[in-house]
Amino acid sequence: MSPALRIYSEDDTDQPEMIAVPLGEILDPIINAAKTNRAFLADFADDELQIPADLYDVLMAFQRVRASA
């Protein structure tokens, strides 16, 4: 069963529960939401994600290669 969606207001002092999930589990929904310009992604634009340092290095190298192409 999918977790319930909860909407947080600005004055909500409760912190959302944090969970660990494999990147592969959330990658397709994120890609789909970005391709279809879903507004809810902007709500999370300033949220921090914890990722392995080697994944960060690979992503930054990929970004530099794409920018120079």
PDB file of N, CA and C in Angstrom:
ATOM      1  N   MET A   1       0.843  -1.171   0.000  1.00  0.00           N
ATOM      2  CA  MET A   1       0.000   0.000   0.000  1.00  0.00           C
ATOM      3  C   MET A   1       0.895   1.242   0.000  1.00  0.00           C
ATOM      4  N   SER A   2       0.552   2.214  -0.804  1.00  0.00           N
ATOM      5  CA  SER A   2       1.321   3.454  -0.895  1.00  0.00           C
ATOM      6  C   SER A   2       1.123   4.296   0.359  1.00  0.00           C
ATOM      7  N   PRO A   3       2.180   5.016   0.774  1.00  0.00           N
ATOM      8  CA  PRO A   3       2.018   5.909   1.924  1.00  0.00           C
ATOM      9  C   PRO A   3       1.054   7.042   1.595  1.00  0.00           C
ATOM     10  N   ALA A   4       0.374   7.533   2.595  1.00  0.00           N
ATOM     11  CA  ALA A   4      -0.570   8.628   2.401  1.00  0.00           C
ATOM     12  C   ALA A   4       0.183   9.924   2.157  1.00  0.00           C
ATOM     13  N   LEU A   5      -0.354  10.768   1.322  1.00  0.00           N
ATOM     14  CA  LEU A   5       0.233  12.073   1.030  1.00  0.00           C
ATOM     15  C   LEU A   5      -0.217  13.052   2.100  1.00  0.00           C
ATOM     16  N   ARG A   6       0.733  13.801   2.639  1.00  0.00           N
ATOM     17  CA  ARG A   6       0.405  14.791   3.648  1.00  0.00           C
ATOM     18  C   ARG A   6       0.858  16.152   3.156  1.00  0.00           C
ATOM     19  N   ILE A   7       0.017  17.147   3.272  1.00  0.00           N
ATOM     20  CA  ILE A   7       0.335  18.515   2.877  1.00  0.00           C
ATOM     21  C   ILE A   7       0.757  19.283   4.128  1.00  0.00           C
ATOM     22  N   TYR A   8       1.900  19.957   4.053  1.00  0.00           N
ATOM     23  CA  TYR A   8       2.419  20.735   5.171  1.00  0.00           C
ATOM     24  C   TYR A   8       2.225  22.218   4.892  1.00  0.00           C
ATOM     25  N   SER A   9       1.753  22.942   5.874  1.00  0.00           N
ATOM     26  CA  SER A   9       1.635  24.386   5.741  1.00  0.00           C
ATOM     27  C   SER A   9       2.899  25.041   6.294  1.00  0.00           C
ATOM     28  N   GLU A  10       3.078  26.324   6.008  1.00  0.00           N
ATOM     29  CA  GLU A  10       4.285  27.025   6.460  1.00  0.00           C
ATOM     30  C   GLU A  10       4.393  27.084   7.972  1.00  0.00           C
ATOM     31  N   ASP A  11       3.279  27.140   8.667  1.00  0.00           N
ATOM     32  CA  ASP A  11       3.320  27.231  10.120  1.00  0.00           C
ATOM     33  C   ASP A  11       3.255  25.862  10.797  1.00  0.00           C
ATOM     34  N   ASP A  12       3.371  24.801  10.034  1.00  0.00           N
ATOM     35  CA  ASP A  12       3.377  23.446  10.586  1.00  0.00           C
ATOM     36  C   ASP A  12       4.744  23.187  11.208  1.00  0.00           C
ATOM     37  N   THR A  13       4.798  22.959  12.511  1.00  0.00           N
ATOM     38  CA  THR A  13       6.076  22.784  13.197  1.00  0.00           C
ATOM     39  C   THR A  13       6.548  21.340  13.192  1.00  0.00           C
ATOM     40  N   ASP A  14       5.692  20.410  12.818  1.00  0.00           N
ATOM     41  CA  ASP A  14       6.105  19.009  12.755  1.00  0.00           C
ATOM     42  C   ASP A  14       7.032  18.808  11.564  1.00  0.00           C
ATOM     43  N   GLN A  15       8.126  18.116  11.793  1.00  0.00           N
ATOM     44  CA  GLN A  15       9.038  17.793  10.704  1.00  0.00           C
ATOM     45  C   GLN A  15       8.542  16.526  10.017  1.00  0.00           C
ATOM     46  N   PRO A  16       8.601  16.485   8.693  1.00  0.00           N
ATOM     47  CA  PRO A  16       8.174  15.272   8.003  1.00  0.00           C
ATOM     48  C   PRO A  16       9.087  14.102   8.340  1.00  0.00           C
ATOM     49  N   GLU A  17       8.520  12.929   8.353  1.00  0.00           N
ATOM     50  CA  GLU A  17       9.294  11.715   8.623  1.00  0.00           C
ATOM     51  C   GLU A  17      10.282  11.499   7.487  1.00  0.00           C
ATOM     52  N   MET A  18      11.498  11.135   7.828  1.00  0.00           N
ATOM     53  CA  MET A  18      12.530  10.880   6.829  1.00  0.00           C
ATOM     54  C   MET A  18      12.639   9.374   6.621  1.00  0.00           C
ATOM     55  N   ILE A  19      12.793   8.956   5.369  1.00  0.00           N
ATOM     56  CA  ILE A  19      12.955   7.543   5.054  1.00  0.00           C
ATOM     57  C   ILE A  19      14.110   7.381   4.080  1.00  0.00           C
ATOM     58  N   ALA A  20      14.665   6.206   4.029  1.00  0.00           N
ATOM     59  CA  ALA A  20      15.719   5.881   3.068  1.00  0.00           C
ATOM     60  C   ALA A  20      15.109   4.974   2.006  1.00  0.00           C
ATOM     61  N   VAL A  21      15.306   5.341   0.747  1.00  0.00           N
ATOM     62  CA  VAL A  21      14.791   4.541  -0.364  1.00  0.00           C
ATOM     63  C   VAL A  21      15.875   4.416  -1.426  1.00  0.00           C
ATOM     64  N   PRO A  22      15.862   3.337  -2.169  1.00  0.00           N
ATOM     65  CA  PRO A  22      16.809   3.217  -3.283  1.00  0.00           C
ATOM     66  C   PRO A  22      16.491   4.257  -4.356  1.00  0.00           C
ATOM     67  N   LEU A  23      17.506   4.820  -4.962  1.00  0.00           N
ATOM     68  CA  LEU A  23      17.320   5.816  -6.017  1.00  0.00           C
ATOM     69  C   LEU A  23      16.429   5.269  -7.128  1.00  0.00           C
ATOM     70  N   GLY A  24      16.625   4.004  -7.473  1.00  0.00           N
ATOM     71  CA  GLY A  24      15.844   3.392  -8.543  1.00  0.00           C
ATOM     72  C   GLY A  24      14.349   3.394  -8.271  1.00  0.00           C
ATOM     73  N   GLU A  25      13.966   3.427  -7.009  1.00  0.00           N
ATOM     74  CA  GLU A  25      12.553   3.410  -6.653  1.00  0.00           C
ATOM     75  C   GLU A  25      11.870   4.750  -6.933  1.00  0.00           C
ATOM     76  N   ILE A  26      12.619   5.834  -6.851  1.00  0.00           N
ATOM     77  CA  ILE A  26      12.014   7.162  -7.023  1.00  0.00           C
ATOM     78  C   ILE A  26      12.442   7.859  -8.306  1.00  0.00           C
ATOM     79  N   LEU A  27      13.403   7.300  -9.014  1.00  0.00           N
ATOM     80  CA  LEU A  27      13.943   7.955 -10.202  1.00  0.00           C
ATOM     81  C   LEU A  27      12.905   8.123 -11.307  1.00  0.00           C
ATOM     82  N   ASP A  28      12.179   7.076 -11.648  1.00  0.00           N
ATOM     83  CA  ASP A  28      11.174   7.179 -12.715  1.00  0.00           C
ATOM     84  C   ASP A  28      10.097   8.217 -12.409  1.00  0.00           C
ATOM     85  N   PRO A  29       9.524   8.224 -11.189  1.00  0.00           N
ATOM     86  CA  PRO A  29       8.534   9.264 -10.909  1.00  0.00           C
ATOM     87  C   PRO A  29       9.110  10.682 -10.969  1.00  0.00           C
ATOM     88  N   ILE A  30      10.351  10.857 -10.530  1.00  0.00           N
ATOM     89  CA  ILE A  30      10.977  12.183 -10.591  1.00  0.00           C
ATOM     90  C   ILE A  30      11.198  12.607 -12.042  1.00  0.00           C
ATOM     91  N   ILE A  31      11.705  11.697 -12.858  1.00  0.00           N
ATOM     92  CA  ILE A  31      11.936  12.003 -14.271  1.00  0.00           C
ATOM     93  C   ILE A  31      10.619  12.355 -14.955  1.00  0.00           C
ATOM     94  N   ASN A  32       9.592  11.548 -14.714  1.00  0.00           N
ATOM     95  CA  ASN A  32       8.291  11.804 -15.322  1.00  0.00           C
ATOM     96  C   ASN A  32       7.731  13.149 -14.888  1.00  0.00           C
ATOM     97  N   ALA A  33       7.842  13.461 -13.610  1.00  0.00           N
ATOM     98  CA  ALA A  33       7.329  14.741 -13.106  1.00  0.00           C
ATOM     99  C   ALA A  33       8.102  15.915 -13.719  1.00  0.00           C
ATOM    100  N   ALA A  34       9.416  15.762 -13.889  1.00  0.00           N
ATOM    101  CA  ALA A  34      10.219  16.833 -14.486  1.00  0.00           C
ATOM    102  C   ALA A  34       9.875  17.015 -15.966  1.00  0.00           C
ATOM    103  N   LYS A  35       9.729  15.914 -16.690  1.00  0.00           N
ATOM    104  CA  LYS A  35       9.408  16.004 -18.121  1.00  0.00           C
ATOM    105  C   LYS A  35       8.046  16.628 -18.367  1.00  0.00           C
ATOM    106  N   THR A  36       7.125  16.420 -17.440  1.00  0.00           N
ATOM    107  CA  THR A  36       5.771  16.941 -17.620  1.00  0.00           C
ATOM    108  C   THR A  36       5.533  18.226 -16.827  1.00  0.00           C
ATOM    109  N   ASN A  37       6.631  18.813 -16.346  1.00  0.00           N
ATOM    110  CA  ASN A  37       6.588  20.107 -15.648  1.00  0.00           C
ATOM    111  C   ASN A  37       5.585  20.151 -14.497  1.00  0.00           C
ATOM    112  N   ARG A  38       5.597  19.150 -13.668  1.00  0.00           N
ATOM    113  CA  ARG A  38       4.688  19.109 -12.519  1.00  0.00           C
ATOM    114  C   ARG A  38       5.104  20.156 -11.497  1.00  0.00           C
ATOM    115  N   ALA A  39       4.173  20.966 -11.076  1.00  0.00           N
ATOM    116  CA  ALA A  39       4.447  22.085 -10.178  1.00  0.00           C
ATOM    117  C   ALA A  39       4.932  21.635  -8.807  1.00  0.00           C
ATOM    118  N   PHE A  40       4.524  20.461  -8.363  1.00  0.00           N
ATOM    119  CA  PHE A  40       4.910  20.049  -7.014  1.00  0.00           C
ATOM    120  C   PHE A  40       6.411  19.893  -6.842  1.00  0.00           C
ATOM    121  N   LEU A  41       7.155  19.679  -7.933  1.00  0.00           N
ATOM    122  CA  LEU A  41       8.604  19.559  -7.805  1.00  0.00           C
ATOM    123  C   LEU A  41       9.222  20.840  -7.263  1.00  0.00           C
ATOM    124  N   ALA A  42       8.671  21.986  -7.620  1.00  0.00           N
ATOM    125  CA  ALA A  42       9.189  23.260  -7.132  1.00  0.00           C
ATOM    126  C   ALA A  42       9.062  23.372  -5.617  1.00  0.00           C
ATOM    127  N   ASP A  43       8.072  22.707  -5.032  1.00  0.00           N
ATOM    128  CA  ASP A  43       7.897  22.728  -3.581  1.00  0.00           C
ATOM    129  C   ASP A  43       9.074  22.088  -2.846  1.00  0.00           C
ATOM    130  N   PHE A  44       9.782  21.210  -3.536  1.00  0.00           N
ATOM    131  CA  PHE A  44      10.882  20.485  -2.909  1.00  0.00           C
ATOM    132  C   PHE A  44      12.250  20.943  -3.414  1.00  0.00           C
ATOM    133  N   ALA A  45      12.294  22.003  -4.203  1.00  0.00           N
ATOM    134  CA  ALA A  45      13.532  22.441  -4.836  1.00  0.00           C
ATOM    135  C   ALA A  45      14.627  22.810  -3.830  1.00  0.00           C
ATOM    136  N   ASP A  46      14.266  23.289  -2.667  1.00  0.00           N
ATOM    137  CA  ASP A  46      15.262  23.677  -1.666  1.00  0.00           C
ATOM    138  C   ASP A  46      15.545  22.592  -0.635  1.00  0.00           C
ATOM    139  N   ASP A  47      14.858  21.455  -0.733  1.00  0.00           N
ATOM    140  CA  ASP A  47      15.105  20.354   0.192  1.00  0.00           C
ATOM    141  C   ASP A  47      16.465  19.733  -0.099  1.00  0.00           C
ATOM    142  N   GLU A  48      17.141  19.316   0.937  1.00  0.00           N
ATOM    143  CA  GLU A  48      18.439  18.665   0.776  1.00  0.00           C
ATOM    144  C   GLU A  48      18.253  17.154   0.724  1.00  0.00           C
ATOM    145  N   LEU A  49      19.017  16.521  -0.154  1.00  0.00           N
ATOM    146  CA  LEU A  49      19.041  15.073  -0.260  1.00  0.00           C
ATOM    147  C   LEU A  49      20.418  14.592   0.148  1.00  0.00           C
ATOM    148  N   GLN A  50      20.468  13.485   0.816  1.00  0.00           N
ATOM    149  CA  GLN A  50      21.758  12.878   1.125  1.00  0.00           C
ATOM    150  C   GLN A  50      22.000  11.768   0.120  1.00  0.00           C
ATOM    151  N   ILE A  51      23.111  11.902  -0.615  1.00  0.00           N
ATOM    152  CA  ILE A  51      23.474  10.909  -1.620  1.00  0.00           C
ATOM    153  C   ILE A  51      24.931  10.520  -1.407  1.00  0.00           C
ATOM    154  N   PRO A  52      25.325   9.357  -1.890  1.00  0.00           N
ATOM    155  CA  PRO A  52      26.735   8.957  -1.769  1.00  0.00           C
ATOM    156  C   PRO A  52      27.639   9.937  -2.527  1.00  0.00           C
ATOM    157  N   ALA A  53      28.813  10.184  -1.974  1.00  0.00           N
ATOM    158  CA  ALA A  53      29.760  11.125  -2.584  1.00  0.00           C
ATOM    159  C   ALA A  53      30.132  10.705  -4.001  1.00  0.00           C
ATOM    160  N   ASP A  54      30.262   9.399  -4.252  1.00  0.00           N
ATOM    161  CA  ASP A  54      30.642   8.964  -5.590  1.00  0.00           C
ATOM    162  C   ASP A  54      29.526   9.229  -6.606  1.00  0.00           C
ATOM    163  N   LEU A  55      28.274   9.137  -6.199  1.00  0.00           N
ATOM    164  CA  LEU A  55      27.166   9.484  -7.089  1.00  0.00           C
ATOM    165  C   LEU A  55      27.204  10.979  -7.408  1.00  0.00           C
ATOM    166  N   TYR A  56      27.459  11.794  -6.404  1.00  0.00           N
ATOM    167  CA  TYR A  56      27.565  13.238  -6.620  1.00  0.00           C
ATOM    168  C   TYR A  56      28.682  13.542  -7.619  1.00  0.00           C
ATOM    169  N   ASP A  57      29.841  12.908  -7.449  1.00  0.00           N
ATOM    170  CA  ASP A  57      30.975  13.130  -8.360  1.00  0.00           C
ATOM    171  C   ASP A  57      30.612  12.753  -9.798  1.00  0.00           C
ATOM    172  N   VAL A  58      29.941  11.627  -9.973  1.00  0.00           N
ATOM    173  CA  VAL A  58      29.546  11.180 -11.309  1.00  0.00           C
ATOM    174  C   VAL A  58      28.553  12.162 -11.919  1.00  0.00           C
ATOM    175  N   LEU A  59      27.575  12.613 -11.147  1.00  0.00           N
ATOM    176  CA  LEU A  59      26.585  13.559 -11.660  1.00  0.00           C
ATOM    177  C   LEU A  59      27.214  14.890 -12.058  1.00  0.00           C
ATOM    178  N   MET A  60      28.146  15.388 -11.251  1.00  0.00           N
ATOM    179  CA  MET A  60      28.804  16.653 -11.571  1.00  0.00           C
ATOM    180  C   MET A  60      29.689  16.509 -12.807  1.00  0.00           C
ATOM    181  N   ALA A  61      30.374  15.379 -12.947  1.00  0.00           N
ATOM    182  CA  ALA A  61      31.195  15.145 -14.137  1.00  0.00           C
ATOM    183  C   ALA A  61      30.307  15.061 -15.380  1.00  0.00           C
ATOM    184  N   PHE A  62      29.178  14.383 -15.266  1.00  0.00           N
ATOM    185  CA  PHE A  62      28.229  14.291 -16.381  1.00  0.00           C
ATOM    186  C   PHE A  62      27.719  15.667 -16.772  1.00  0.00           C
ATOM    187  N   GLN A  63      27.422  16.492 -15.787  1.00  0.00           N
ATOM    188  CA  GLN A  63      26.924  17.849 -16.060  1.00  0.00           C
ATOM    189  C   GLN A  63      27.987  18.672 -16.788  1.00  0.00           C
ATOM    190  N   ARG A  64      29.255  18.557 -16.368  1.00  0.00           N
ATOM    191  CA  ARG A  64      30.331  19.308 -17.019  1.00  0.00           C
ATOM    192  C   ARG A  64      30.518  18.836 -18.472  1.00  0.00           C
ATOM    193  N   VAL A  65      30.436  17.535 -18.713  1.00  0.00           N
ATOM    194  CA  VAL A  65      30.604  17.010 -20.062  1.00  0.00           C
ATOM    195  C   VAL A  65      29.470  17.490 -20.961  1.00  0.00           C
ATOM    196  N   ARG A  66      28.248  17.471 -20.460  1.00  0.00           N
ATOM    197  CA  ARG A  66      27.098  17.940 -21.248  1.00  0.00           C
ATOM    198  C   ARG A  66      27.207  19.426 -21.536  1.00  0.00           C
ATOM    199  N   ALA A  67      27.700  20.213 -20.561  1.00  0.00           N
ATOM    200  CA  ALA A  67      27.809  21.658 -20.751  1.00  0.00           C
ATOM    201  C   ALA A  67      28.865  22.009 -21.798  1.00  0.00           C
ATOM    202  N   SER A  68      29.901  21.191 -21.887  1.00  0.00           N
ATOM    203  CA  SER A  68      30.979  21.488 -22.839  1.00  0.00           C
ATOM    204  C   SER A  68      30.690  20.946 -24.236  1.00  0.00           C
ATOM    205  N   ALA A  69      29.669  20.132 -24.362  1.00  0.00           N
ATOM    206  CA  ALA A  69      29.349  19.536 -25.677  1.00  0.00           C
ATOM    207  C   ALA A  69      28.603  20.493 -26.573  1.00  0.00           C
TER     208      ALA A  69
END
